[in-house]
Amino acid sequence: MFTFRPLRVDDLPNVVAWQQSPAAAPWFPRLTLAEAHERFGPRLDGRSPVQMLVLHRRGVDVGYAQLYRVADLPPGDVIPAEASDVGVDFCIGLPTLIGQGLGTILVQDLVQLSHWMFPTATGVISCPNHRNHASRRVLEKNGFIPTLWFDSPTDEGVETLVMHRRELQELR
């Protein structure tokens, strides 16, 4: 089981390191600390609807997650999901924790947290890169169904994402 706390500015060096861990690096742009402040600053000071959380396990900060209501995203952040859905993104950043089944536990915990934080949400979505087989497998183990492949612009061009969705009605 994971616990969560709001991510703070002083956690950004860890976020940069977690994103560059061997399992995560292929899916994240390489950010400097200054770029991380620019990118995540609005999320940390409340100017963005995306809520960032530190993943905590057995006394150690081990990664981060992001949760957001799709309906609250600005018009430029187009995600082809139901407005009533909650989006989740996650990153376990300690290499020693990869391959132990913790991603499955983390997604279970994030589904529960999404239901608690957004009680009117009808579903939870996550949109990993189509080549991120580990994340896709973890989502599917937790009852997420791949529903849509779509292209998303990046600084380097375009990446193909796969939206996975899970209904929340069974938690009610």
N, C-alpha and C. Protein backbone atom coordinates (compact mmCIF):
# COMPACT_ATOMS: atom_id res chain seq x y z
N MET A 1 0.84 -1.18 0.00
CA MET A 1 0.00 0.00 0.00
C MET A 1 0.88 1.25 0.00
N PHE A 2 0.43 2.25 -0.74
CA PHE A 2 1.12 3.53 -0.81
C PHE A 2 0.34 4.56 -0.02
N THR A 3 1.05 5.55 0.48
CA THR A 3 0.41 6.74 1.01
C THR A 3 0.83 7.90 0.11
N PHE A 4 0.10 8.98 0.21
CA PHE A 4 0.31 10.12 -0.66
C PHE A 4 0.35 11.40 0.15
N ARG A 5 1.12 12.35 -0.34
CA ARG A 5 1.11 13.70 0.23
C ARG A 5 1.28 14.66 -0.93
N PRO A 6 0.80 15.90 -0.76
CA PRO A 6 0.98 16.88 -1.84
C PRO A 6 2.45 17.09 -2.16
N LEU A 7 2.76 17.16 -3.43
CA LEU A 7 4.13 17.43 -3.87
C LEU A 7 4.45 18.89 -3.60
N ARG A 8 5.65 19.16 -3.13
CA ARG A 8 6.10 20.52 -2.83
C ARG A 8 7.24 20.90 -3.77
N VAL A 9 7.55 22.18 -3.80
CA VAL A 9 8.63 22.67 -4.64
C VAL A 9 9.94 21.96 -4.31
N ASP A 10 10.19 21.71 -3.04
CA ASP A 10 11.45 21.06 -2.68
C ASP A 10 11.51 19.58 -3.09
N ASP A 11 10.41 19.04 -3.63
CA ASP A 11 10.40 17.68 -4.17
C ASP A 11 10.82 17.63 -5.64
N LEU A 12 10.90 18.79 -6.30
CA LEU A 12 11.18 18.79 -7.73
C LEU A 12 12.51 18.13 -8.11
N PRO A 13 13.58 18.26 -7.33
CA PRO A 13 14.79 17.50 -7.69
C PRO A 13 14.53 15.99 -7.76
N ASN A 14 13.69 15.49 -6.84
CA ASN A 14 13.34 14.07 -6.89
C ASN A 14 12.52 13.75 -8.13
N VAL A 15 11.57 14.61 -8.48
CA VAL A 15 10.76 14.38 -9.68
C VAL A 15 11.65 14.25 -10.90
N VAL A 16 12.61 15.18 -11.04
CA VAL A 16 13.55 15.12 -12.17
C VAL A 16 14.30 13.79 -12.15
N ALA A 17 14.78 13.38 -10.99
CA ALA A 17 15.53 12.12 -10.89
C ALA A 17 14.62 10.92 -11.17
N TRP A 18 13.41 10.93 -10.61
CA TRP A 18 12.49 9.81 -10.84
C TRP A 18 12.17 9.65 -12.32
N GLN A 19 11.95 10.79 -13.00
CA GLN A 19 11.63 10.71 -14.43
C GLN A 19 12.80 10.18 -15.25
N GLN A 20 14.00 10.31 -14.74
CA GLN A 20 15.18 9.84 -15.47
C GLN A 20 15.68 8.47 -15.00
N SER A 21 14.92 7.82 -14.12
CA SER A 21 15.30 6.47 -13.71
C SER A 21 15.19 5.55 -14.93
N PRO A 22 15.91 4.44 -14.94
CA PRO A 22 15.93 3.60 -16.14
C PRO A 22 14.56 3.17 -16.66
N ALA A 23 13.62 2.84 -15.79
CA ALA A 23 12.30 2.39 -16.25
C ALA A 23 11.42 3.53 -16.74
N ALA A 24 11.65 4.74 -16.22
CA ALA A 24 10.79 5.88 -16.56
C ALA A 24 11.33 6.75 -17.69
N ALA A 25 12.64 6.82 -17.83
CA ALA A 25 13.26 7.76 -18.77
C ALA A 25 12.72 7.69 -20.20
N PRO A 26 12.40 6.52 -20.74
CA PRO A 26 11.90 6.51 -22.11
C PRO A 26 10.57 7.26 -22.30
N TRP A 27 9.85 7.51 -21.23
CA TRP A 27 8.50 8.07 -21.34
C TRP A 27 8.42 9.53 -20.92
N PHE A 28 9.53 10.12 -20.53
CA PHE A 28 9.52 11.50 -20.07
C PHE A 28 10.59 12.31 -20.78
N PRO A 29 10.32 13.60 -21.01
CA PRO A 29 11.39 14.44 -21.55
C PRO A 29 12.45 14.66 -20.48
N ARG A 30 13.66 14.84 -20.89
CA ARG A 30 14.75 15.11 -19.93
C ARG A 30 14.64 16.58 -19.52
N LEU A 31 14.29 16.81 -18.27
CA LEU A 31 14.11 18.18 -17.76
C LEU A 31 15.26 18.58 -16.85
N THR A 32 15.65 19.85 -16.93
CA THR A 32 16.52 20.42 -15.93
C THR A 32 15.65 20.81 -14.74
N LEU A 33 16.26 21.14 -13.64
CA LEU A 33 15.49 21.57 -12.48
C LEU A 33 14.73 22.85 -12.79
N ALA A 34 15.34 23.78 -13.53
CA ALA A 34 14.65 25.02 -13.91
C ALA A 34 13.44 24.72 -14.78
N GLU A 35 13.58 23.79 -15.72
CA GLU A 35 12.44 23.42 -16.57
C GLU A 35 11.34 22.74 -15.76
N ALA A 36 11.72 21.95 -14.77
CA ALA A 36 10.73 21.32 -13.90
C ALA A 36 9.95 22.37 -13.11
N HIS A 37 10.65 23.40 -12.62
CA HIS A 37 9.96 24.49 -11.92
C HIS A 37 8.96 25.17 -12.86
N GLU A 38 9.37 25.41 -14.08
CA GLU A 38 8.48 26.07 -15.05
C GLU A 38 7.28 25.19 -15.38
N ARG A 39 7.52 23.91 -15.61
CA ARG A 39 6.45 22.99 -16.02
C ARG A 39 5.48 22.69 -14.87
N PHE A 40 6.01 22.43 -13.69
CA PHE A 40 5.18 21.97 -12.59
C PHE A 40 4.75 23.08 -11.62
N GLY A 41 5.37 24.26 -11.74
CA GLY A 41 5.02 25.37 -10.85
C GLY A 41 3.53 25.65 -10.76
N PRO A 42 2.82 25.78 -11.90
CA PRO A 42 1.38 26.04 -11.83
C PRO A 42 0.60 24.93 -11.12
N ARG A 43 1.08 23.72 -11.18
CA ARG A 43 0.40 22.62 -10.50
C ARG A 43 0.63 22.69 -8.99
N LEU A 44 1.78 23.22 -8.60
CA LEU A 44 2.11 23.28 -7.18
C LEU A 44 1.50 24.48 -6.48
N ASP A 45 1.28 25.56 -7.23
CA ASP A 45 0.74 26.75 -6.58
C ASP A 45 -0.76 26.95 -6.83
N GLY A 46 -1.43 25.94 -7.39
CA GLY A 46 -2.88 25.99 -7.53
C GLY A 46 -3.40 26.65 -8.80
N ARG A 47 -2.50 27.04 -9.71
CA ARG A 47 -2.97 27.66 -10.96
C ARG A 47 -3.41 26.62 -11.99
N SER A 48 -3.15 25.37 -11.73
CA SER A 48 -3.53 24.27 -12.62
C SER A 48 -4.44 23.32 -11.87
N PRO A 49 -5.40 22.69 -12.55
CA PRO A 49 -6.26 21.72 -11.86
C PRO A 49 -5.59 20.38 -11.60
N VAL A 50 -4.38 20.19 -12.10
CA VAL A 50 -3.67 18.93 -11.91
C VAL A 50 -3.06 18.92 -10.51
N GLN A 51 -3.38 17.90 -9.75
CA GLN A 51 -2.86 17.77 -8.39
C GLN A 51 -1.72 16.75 -8.40
N MET A 52 -0.57 17.19 -7.93
CA MET A 52 0.61 16.32 -7.89
C MET A 52 0.81 15.80 -6.48
N LEU A 53 1.10 14.52 -6.39
CA LEU A 53 1.28 13.85 -5.11
C LEU A 53 2.57 13.06 -5.10
N VAL A 54 3.23 13.03 -3.96
CA VAL A 54 4.40 12.18 -3.77
C VAL A 54 3.91 10.80 -3.33
N LEU A 55 4.48 9.76 -3.92
CA LEU A 55 4.20 8.39 -3.51
C LEU A 55 5.14 8.04 -2.37
N HIS A 56 4.57 7.53 -1.31
CA HIS A 56 5.35 7.21 -0.12
C HIS A 56 5.12 5.73 0.20
N ARG A 57 6.21 5.01 0.40
CA ARG A 57 6.09 3.58 0.73
C ARG A 57 7.15 3.22 1.76
N ARG A 58 6.66 2.71 2.89
CA ARG A 58 7.55 2.24 3.96
C ARG A 58 8.58 3.28 4.36
N GLY A 59 8.11 4.53 4.53
CA GLY A 59 8.97 5.59 5.04
C GLY A 59 9.84 6.28 4.01
N VAL A 60 9.65 5.95 2.72
CA VAL A 60 10.50 6.52 1.68
C VAL A 60 9.64 7.12 0.56
N ASP A 61 10.04 8.30 0.09
CA ASP A 61 9.42 8.88 -1.10
C ASP A 61 9.95 8.12 -2.31
N VAL A 62 9.04 7.55 -3.12
CA VAL A 62 9.48 6.63 -4.17
C VAL A 62 9.03 7.04 -5.57
N GLY A 63 8.25 8.10 -5.70
CA GLY A 63 7.77 8.52 -7.01
C GLY A 63 6.68 9.55 -6.84
N TYR A 64 5.94 9.76 -7.92
CA TYR A 64 4.86 10.73 -7.86
C TYR A 64 3.70 10.30 -8.74
N ALA A 65 2.56 10.93 -8.49
CA ALA A 65 1.37 10.71 -9.30
C ALA A 65 0.70 12.06 -9.53
N GLN A 66 -0.10 12.11 -10.58
CA GLN A 66 -0.90 13.30 -10.88
C GLN A 66 -2.35 12.85 -11.04
N LEU A 67 -3.26 13.64 -10.49
CA LEU A 67 -4.69 13.39 -10.65
C LEU A 67 -5.36 14.68 -11.10
N TYR A 68 -6.36 14.53 -11.96
CA TYR A 68 -7.09 15.71 -12.44
C TYR A 68 -8.45 15.27 -12.96
N ARG A 69 -9.41 16.16 -12.82
CA ARG A 69 -10.71 15.95 -13.46
C ARG A 69 -10.59 16.42 -14.90
N VAL A 70 -11.00 15.60 -15.83
CA VAL A 70 -10.91 15.94 -17.25
C VAL A 70 -11.66 17.24 -17.51
N ALA A 71 -12.81 17.43 -16.88
CA ALA A 71 -13.63 18.63 -17.10
C ALA A 71 -12.91 19.91 -16.68
N ASP A 72 -11.93 19.81 -15.79
CA ASP A 72 -11.24 20.99 -15.28
C ASP A 72 -10.03 21.41 -16.12
N LEU A 73 -9.65 20.59 -17.09
CA LEU A 73 -8.48 20.92 -17.91
C LEU A 73 -8.77 22.12 -18.80
N PRO A 74 -7.77 22.96 -19.04
CA PRO A 74 -7.97 24.08 -19.95
C PRO A 74 -8.26 23.59 -21.37
N PRO A 75 -8.93 24.39 -22.19
CA PRO A 75 -9.31 23.97 -23.53
C PRO A 75 -8.14 23.46 -24.39
N GLY A 76 -6.94 23.94 -24.19
CA GLY A 76 -5.80 23.50 -24.98
C GLY A 76 -5.29 22.11 -24.62
N ASP A 77 -5.65 21.63 -23.43
CA ASP A 77 -5.22 20.29 -22.98
C ASP A 77 -6.30 19.28 -23.33
N VAL A 78 -6.36 18.90 -24.57
CA VAL A 78 -7.43 18.03 -25.05
C VAL A 78 -7.10 16.57 -24.76
N ILE A 79 -7.95 15.94 -23.98
CA ILE A 79 -7.86 14.50 -23.74
C ILE A 79 -9.21 13.94 -24.15
N PRO A 80 -9.22 12.95 -25.04
CA PRO A 80 -10.49 12.43 -25.56
C PRO A 80 -11.19 11.51 -24.57
N ALA A 81 -11.62 12.08 -23.44
CA ALA A 81 -12.26 11.29 -22.39
C ALA A 81 -13.56 11.97 -21.98
N GLU A 82 -14.33 11.28 -21.19
CA GLU A 82 -15.56 11.84 -20.64
C GLU A 82 -15.20 12.97 -19.67
N ALA A 83 -15.98 14.04 -19.69
CA ALA A 83 -15.71 15.16 -18.79
C ALA A 83 -15.78 14.73 -17.33
N SER A 84 -16.55 13.69 -17.04
CA SER A 84 -16.71 13.23 -15.66
C SER A 84 -15.61 12.26 -15.21
N ASP A 85 -14.65 11.99 -16.08
CA ASP A 85 -13.56 11.08 -15.74
C ASP A 85 -12.46 11.79 -14.97
N VAL A 86 -11.69 11.01 -14.23
CA VAL A 86 -10.49 11.48 -13.55
C VAL A 86 -9.29 10.87 -14.28
N GLY A 87 -8.31 11.71 -14.58
CA GLY A 87 -7.09 11.23 -15.19
C GLY A 87 -6.03 10.98 -14.14
N VAL A 88 -5.25 9.93 -14.32
CA VAL A 88 -4.15 9.64 -13.42
C VAL A 88 -2.89 9.35 -14.24
N ASP A 89 -1.79 9.85 -13.76
CA ASP A 89 -0.47 9.55 -14.30
C ASP A 89 0.39 9.14 -13.11
N PHE A 90 1.34 8.27 -13.33
CA PHE A 90 2.13 7.77 -12.21
C PHE A 90 3.54 7.43 -12.64
N CYS A 91 4.46 7.52 -11.66
CA CYS A 91 5.86 7.20 -11.91
C CYS A 91 6.48 6.68 -10.63
N ILE A 92 6.82 5.39 -10.62
CA ILE A 92 7.64 4.85 -9.54
C ILE A 92 9.07 5.07 -9.98
N GLY A 93 9.80 5.88 -9.24
CA GLY A 93 11.10 6.34 -9.70
C GLY A 93 12.31 5.66 -9.10
N LEU A 94 12.11 4.75 -8.18
CA LEU A 94 13.26 4.05 -7.60
C LEU A 94 13.47 2.72 -8.32
N PRO A 95 14.59 2.56 -9.00
CA PRO A 95 14.82 1.33 -9.77
C PRO A 95 14.71 0.05 -8.94
N THR A 96 15.02 0.12 -7.65
CA THR A 96 14.96 -1.07 -6.80
C THR A 96 13.53 -1.56 -6.58
N LEU A 97 12.54 -0.73 -6.91
CA LEU A 97 11.14 -1.12 -6.70
C LEU A 97 10.46 -1.63 -7.97
N ILE A 98 11.15 -1.58 -9.09
CA ILE A 98 10.57 -2.00 -10.36
C ILE A 98 10.60 -3.53 -10.45
N GLY A 99 9.54 -4.09 -11.01
CA GLY A 99 9.48 -5.54 -11.21
C GLY A 99 9.04 -6.33 -10.00
N GLN A 100 8.46 -5.66 -9.00
CA GLN A 100 8.03 -6.33 -7.78
C GLN A 100 6.51 -6.36 -7.62
N GLY A 101 5.78 -5.92 -8.64
CA GLY A 101 4.32 -5.90 -8.55
C GLY A 101 3.77 -4.66 -7.87
N LEU A 102 4.63 -3.70 -7.58
CA LEU A 102 4.17 -2.50 -6.88
C LEU A 102 3.35 -1.57 -7.78
N GLY A 103 3.58 -1.61 -9.08
CA GLY A 103 2.76 -0.80 -9.99
C GLY A 103 1.30 -1.19 -9.91
N THR A 104 1.03 -2.48 -9.80
CA THR A 104 -0.35 -2.96 -9.68
C THR A 104 -0.98 -2.44 -8.39
N ILE A 105 -0.23 -2.51 -7.30
CA ILE A 105 -0.73 -1.99 -6.02
C ILE A 105 -0.94 -0.49 -6.11
N LEU A 106 0.00 0.22 -6.73
CA LEU A 106 -0.12 1.67 -6.86
C LEU A 106 -1.38 2.05 -7.63
N VAL A 107 -1.65 1.39 -8.74
CA VAL A 107 -2.84 1.74 -9.52
C VAL A 107 -4.11 1.43 -8.73
N GLN A 108 -4.13 0.33 -7.98
CA GLN A 108 -5.28 0.05 -7.10
C GLN A 108 -5.50 1.22 -6.14
N ASP A 109 -4.41 1.67 -5.52
CA ASP A 109 -4.50 2.77 -4.57
C ASP A 109 -4.94 4.06 -5.26
N LEU A 110 -4.46 4.32 -6.48
CA LEU A 110 -4.85 5.53 -7.19
C LEU A 110 -6.32 5.51 -7.60
N VAL A 111 -6.84 4.34 -7.95
CA VAL A 111 -8.27 4.23 -8.26
C VAL A 111 -9.09 4.58 -7.02
N GLN A 112 -8.71 4.02 -5.88
CA GLN A 112 -9.42 4.32 -4.62
C GLN A 112 -9.31 5.81 -4.28
N LEU A 113 -8.11 6.37 -4.43
CA LEU A 113 -7.91 7.79 -4.14
C LEU A 113 -8.73 8.66 -5.08
N SER A 114 -8.79 8.30 -6.35
CA SER A 114 -9.59 9.06 -7.32
C SER A 114 -11.05 9.07 -6.92
N HIS A 115 -11.55 7.92 -6.50
CA HIS A 115 -12.95 7.83 -6.08
C HIS A 115 -13.20 8.69 -4.84
N TRP A 116 -12.24 8.71 -3.92
CA TRP A 116 -12.39 9.50 -2.71
C TRP A 116 -12.29 11.00 -2.99
N MET A 117 -11.31 11.39 -3.82
CA MET A 117 -11.09 12.82 -4.11
C MET A 117 -12.16 13.40 -5.02
N PHE A 118 -12.70 12.58 -5.92
CA PHE A 118 -13.67 13.05 -6.92
C PHE A 118 -14.88 12.12 -6.90
N PRO A 119 -15.73 12.24 -5.88
CA PRO A 119 -16.82 11.27 -5.70
C PRO A 119 -17.85 11.24 -6.82
N THR A 120 -17.93 12.27 -7.64
CA THR A 120 -18.90 12.26 -8.75
C THR A 120 -18.30 11.72 -10.05
N ALA A 121 -17.03 11.37 -10.04
CA ALA A 121 -16.39 10.84 -11.24
C ALA A 121 -17.03 9.50 -11.63
N THR A 122 -17.13 9.28 -12.93
CA THR A 122 -17.71 8.03 -13.41
C THR A 122 -16.65 7.02 -13.86
N GLY A 123 -15.44 7.50 -14.12
CA GLY A 123 -14.38 6.61 -14.56
C GLY A 123 -13.01 7.20 -14.29
N VAL A 124 -11.99 6.36 -14.41
CA VAL A 124 -10.60 6.78 -14.28
C VAL A 124 -9.91 6.42 -15.58
N ILE A 125 -9.10 7.36 -16.08
CA ILE A 125 -8.35 7.11 -17.31
C ILE A 125 -6.86 7.29 -17.06
N SER A 126 -6.07 6.66 -17.89
CA SER A 126 -4.64 6.88 -17.93
C SER A 126 -4.22 6.67 -19.37
N CYS A 127 -3.28 7.47 -19.85
CA CYS A 127 -2.91 7.46 -21.26
C CYS A 127 -1.41 7.27 -21.45
N PRO A 128 -0.91 6.06 -21.23
CA PRO A 128 0.52 5.84 -21.46
C PRO A 128 0.86 5.78 -22.95
N ASN A 129 2.14 5.94 -23.23
CA ASN A 129 2.65 5.76 -24.58
C ASN A 129 2.33 4.33 -25.02
N HIS A 130 2.01 4.15 -26.30
CA HIS A 130 1.64 2.82 -26.78
C HIS A 130 2.76 1.79 -26.63
N ARG A 131 4.00 2.24 -26.51
CA ARG A 131 5.13 1.32 -26.34
C ARG A 131 5.44 1.03 -24.86
N ASN A 132 4.75 1.71 -23.95
CA ASN A 132 4.99 1.52 -22.52
C ASN A 132 4.19 0.30 -22.04
N HIS A 133 4.71 -0.87 -22.38
CA HIS A 133 3.99 -2.11 -22.10
C HIS A 133 3.83 -2.37 -20.61
N ALA A 134 4.80 -1.95 -19.80
CA ALA A 134 4.69 -2.18 -18.36
C ALA A 134 3.51 -1.41 -17.77
N SER A 135 3.38 -0.14 -18.09
CA SER A 135 2.25 0.65 -17.57
C SER A 135 0.93 0.13 -18.11
N ARG A 136 0.91 -0.21 -19.38
CA ARG A 136 -0.33 -0.71 -19.97
C ARG A 136 -0.76 -2.02 -19.31
N ARG A 137 0.20 -2.89 -19.04
CA ARG A 137 -0.09 -4.17 -18.39
C ARG A 137 -0.64 -3.94 -16.96
N VAL A 138 -0.02 -3.02 -16.23
CA VAL A 138 -0.47 -2.71 -14.86
C VAL A 138 -1.90 -2.18 -14.88
N LEU A 139 -2.20 -1.31 -15.83
CA LEU A 139 -3.56 -0.77 -15.93
C LEU A 139 -4.56 -1.89 -16.22
N GLU A 140 -4.23 -2.74 -17.17
CA GLU A 140 -5.14 -3.82 -17.53
C GLU A 140 -5.34 -4.81 -16.39
N LYS A 141 -4.31 -5.05 -15.58
CA LYS A 141 -4.45 -5.91 -14.39
C LYS A 141 -5.45 -5.31 -13.40
N ASN A 142 -5.64 -4.00 -13.47
CA ASN A 142 -6.54 -3.31 -12.55
C ASN A 142 -7.89 -3.00 -13.19
N GLY A 143 -8.22 -3.68 -14.25
CA GLY A 143 -9.55 -3.54 -14.84
C GLY A 143 -9.71 -2.40 -15.83
N PHE A 144 -8.61 -1.74 -16.20
CA PHE A 144 -8.67 -0.70 -17.21
C PHE A 144 -8.73 -1.36 -18.59
N ILE A 145 -9.51 -0.79 -19.46
CA ILE A 145 -9.66 -1.32 -20.82
C ILE A 145 -9.08 -0.31 -21.80
N PRO A 146 -8.21 -0.74 -22.71
CA PRO A 146 -7.71 0.19 -23.72
C PRO A 146 -8.87 0.57 -24.64
N THR A 147 -9.15 1.87 -24.72
CA THR A 147 -10.34 2.31 -25.45
C THR A 147 -10.04 3.16 -26.69
N LEU A 148 -8.87 3.79 -26.73
CA LEU A 148 -8.61 4.70 -27.84
C LEU A 148 -7.11 4.93 -28.00
N TRP A 149 -6.62 4.81 -29.21
CA TRP A 149 -5.25 5.20 -29.55
C TRP A 149 -5.35 6.59 -30.16
N PHE A 150 -4.47 7.50 -29.74
CA PHE A 150 -4.50 8.85 -30.31
C PHE A 150 -3.11 9.46 -30.28
N ASP A 151 -2.89 10.42 -31.16
CA ASP A 151 -1.61 11.12 -31.23
C ASP A 151 -1.68 12.39 -30.40
N SER A 152 -0.59 12.66 -29.68
CA SER A 152 -0.50 13.84 -28.83
C SER A 152 0.78 14.59 -29.17
N PRO A 153 0.69 15.91 -29.34
CA PRO A 153 1.90 16.66 -29.66
C PRO A 153 2.88 16.70 -28.49
N THR A 154 4.17 16.67 -28.82
CA THR A 154 5.23 16.81 -27.83
C THR A 154 6.20 17.87 -28.33
N ASP A 155 7.17 18.22 -27.52
CA ASP A 155 8.20 19.17 -27.96
C ASP A 155 9.01 18.61 -29.12
N GLU A 156 9.11 17.29 -29.19
CA GLU A 156 9.91 16.64 -30.24
C GLU A 156 9.08 16.22 -31.46
N GLY A 157 7.77 16.35 -31.41
CA GLY A 157 6.91 15.93 -32.52
C GLY A 157 5.58 15.43 -32.01
N VAL A 158 5.33 14.13 -32.22
CA VAL A 158 4.06 13.53 -31.82
C VAL A 158 4.35 12.16 -31.20
N GLU A 159 3.59 11.82 -30.15
CA GLU A 159 3.68 10.47 -29.61
C GLU A 159 2.29 9.85 -29.63
N THR A 160 2.25 8.54 -29.80
CA THR A 160 0.98 7.82 -29.82
C THR A 160 0.70 7.30 -28.42
N LEU A 161 -0.46 7.67 -27.90
CA LEU A 161 -0.88 7.27 -26.56
C LEU A 161 -2.07 6.31 -26.67
N VAL A 162 -2.25 5.52 -25.64
CA VAL A 162 -3.41 4.63 -25.57
C VAL A 162 -4.18 4.97 -24.31
N MET A 163 -5.41 5.47 -24.50
CA MET A 163 -6.24 5.76 -23.33
C MET A 163 -6.81 4.45 -22.80
N HIS A 164 -6.59 4.23 -21.51
CA HIS A 164 -7.16 3.10 -20.79
C HIS A 164 -8.19 3.67 -19.83
N ARG A 165 -9.34 3.03 -19.72
CA ARG A 165 -10.41 3.56 -18.86
C ARG A 165 -10.99 2.45 -17.99
N ARG A 166 -11.31 2.84 -16.77
CA ARG A 166 -11.98 1.94 -15.84
C ARG A 166 -13.19 2.65 -15.27
N GLU A 167 -14.31 1.98 -15.27
CA GLU A 167 -15.53 2.50 -14.66
C GLU A 167 -15.36 2.54 -13.14
N LEU A 168 -15.96 3.54 -12.50
CA LEU A 168 -15.90 3.64 -11.04
C LEU A 168 -17.19 3.16 -10.37
N GLN A 169 -18.20 2.79 -11.14
CA GLN A 169 -19.48 2.44 -10.54
C GLN A 169 -19.37 1.28 -9.56
N GLU A 170 -18.43 0.35 -9.78
CA GLU A 170 -18.31 -0.79 -8.87
C GLU A 170 -17.80 -0.39 -7.49
N LEU A 171 -17.27 0.84 -7.35
CA LEU A 171 -16.80 1.30 -6.04
C LEU A 171 -17.90 2.00 -5.24
N ARG A 172 -19.01 2.23 -5.85
CA ARG A 172 -20.10 2.95 -5.17
C ARG A 172 -20.94 2.02 -4.34
